[in-house]
Protein backbone atom coordinates (compact mmCIF):
# COMPACT_ATOMS: atom_id res chain seq x y z
CA MET A 1 109.12 91.25 128.12
CA ALA A 2 108.43 89.79 124.68
CA ARG A 3 108.11 86.05 124.26
CA PRO A 4 111.17 84.43 122.65
CA SER A 5 109.05 83.64 119.58
CA VAL A 6 108.44 87.36 118.95
CA GLU A 7 112.17 88.04 118.85
CA ARG A 8 112.83 84.97 116.70
CA ILE A 9 110.14 85.97 114.19
CA LYS A 10 111.46 89.53 114.01
CA SER A 11 115.06 88.37 113.62
CA ARG A 12 114.15 85.79 110.98
CA LEU A 13 112.21 88.33 108.90
CA GLU A 14 114.93 90.96 109.18
CA SER A 15 117.44 88.39 107.92
CA ALA A 16 115.21 87.19 105.08
CA PHE A 17 114.29 90.67 103.85
CA ALA A 18 117.21 93.10 103.70
CA ALA A 19 116.55 96.59 105.07
CA ALA A 20 113.04 95.60 106.15
CA GLN A 21 111.04 97.47 108.76
CA VAL A 22 109.52 94.72 110.94
CA SER A 23 107.15 94.77 113.88
CA VAL A 24 105.73 91.69 115.57
CA ARG A 25 102.96 91.56 118.15
CA ASP A 26 102.01 88.49 120.15
CA ASP A 27 98.21 88.19 120.07
CA SER A 28 98.15 84.80 121.78
CA ALA A 29 96.33 86.07 124.87
CA ARG A 30 93.36 87.06 122.70
CA HIS A 31 93.11 83.44 121.54
CA ALA A 32 93.37 81.69 124.92
CA GLY A 33 91.48 78.44 124.83
CA HIS A 34 91.64 78.21 121.05
CA GLU A 35 92.27 74.60 120.06
CA GLY A 36 95.27 75.40 117.86
CA ALA A 37 96.96 77.39 120.60
CA SER A 38 96.63 74.66 123.22
CA GLY A 39 100.01 73.15 122.26
CA GLY A 40 101.84 76.39 123.06
CA ALA A 41 102.10 77.79 119.53
CA GLY A 42 101.17 81.44 119.32
CA HIS A 43 99.10 83.86 117.31
CA PHE A 44 101.14 86.75 115.95
CA GLN A 45 100.55 89.95 114.03
CA VAL A 46 103.39 90.85 111.66
CA ARG A 47 103.88 94.11 109.80
CA ILE A 48 106.80 94.11 107.39
CA GLU A 49 107.82 96.75 104.88
CA SER A 50 110.40 95.67 102.34
CA GLN A 51 111.43 96.56 98.82
CA ALA A 52 111.37 92.80 98.16
CA PHE A 53 107.56 93.05 97.96
CA ALA A 54 107.56 95.64 95.14
CA GLY A 55 105.54 94.46 92.15
CA ARG A 56 104.28 91.35 93.96
CA SER A 57 100.70 90.42 94.72
CA ARG A 58 99.40 90.12 98.27
CA LEU A 59 99.42 86.33 97.93
CA GLN A 60 103.04 86.30 96.74
CA ARG A 61 104.06 88.54 99.63
CA HIS A 62 102.37 86.31 102.18
CA ARG A 63 104.01 83.23 100.70
CA MET A 64 107.40 84.91 101.03
CA VAL A 65 106.76 85.60 104.72
CA TYR A 66 105.50 82.07 105.35
CA GLN A 67 108.57 80.65 103.61
CA ALA A 68 110.89 82.68 105.85
CA LEU A 69 109.11 81.32 108.95
CA ALA A 70 108.35 77.79 107.74
CA ASP A 71 110.43 75.93 110.31
CA MET A 72 108.64 77.73 113.17
CA MET A 73 105.26 76.39 112.11
CA PRO A 74 103.30 74.83 113.70
CA ALA A 75 105.46 74.32 116.82
CA GLU A 76 105.92 78.03 117.65
CA ILE A 77 103.50 79.76 115.28
CA HIS A 78 99.90 78.68 115.01
CA ALA A 79 98.53 81.74 113.21
CA LEU A 80 99.90 84.84 111.50
CA ASN A 81 98.14 88.05 110.63
CA ILE A 82 100.43 89.51 107.95
CA GLU A 83 100.66 93.03 106.60
CA ALA A 84 103.41 92.90 103.97
CA ILE A 85 103.99 96.15 102.12
CA SER A 86 106.48 97.75 99.78
CA PRO A 87 107.76 101.31 100.34
CA ASP A 88 106.26 102.04 96.91
CA ASP A 89 102.74 101.05 98.02
CA ASP A 90 102.14 104.33 99.83
CA LYS A 91 103.35 106.32 96.82
CA LEU A 92 101.03 104.41 94.52
CA SER A 93 97.99 104.96 96.73
CA ARG A 94 98.61 108.73 96.79
CA THR A 95 98.72 108.96 92.99
CA SER A 96 95.52 106.98 92.42
């Protein structure tokens, strides 16, 4: 069963980014003993595909994700590995 934080992250991102495809993986076990994780906050991998990211830089996309999850940091989220893509990204890479 997924940790409550996984479901909260997924729900929060789906609410913040309409029609987004979101997957969240808890990688906390891989970071056991890590100083930042000692307080119970987790390490998570997030993959989100949303039209909201179209035309935005990687940095802008990551800032948007961090903003949507701001109140969960650092109490529930210690670290995020973010893959934020636009549906157009795949089309662009095929034409290059």
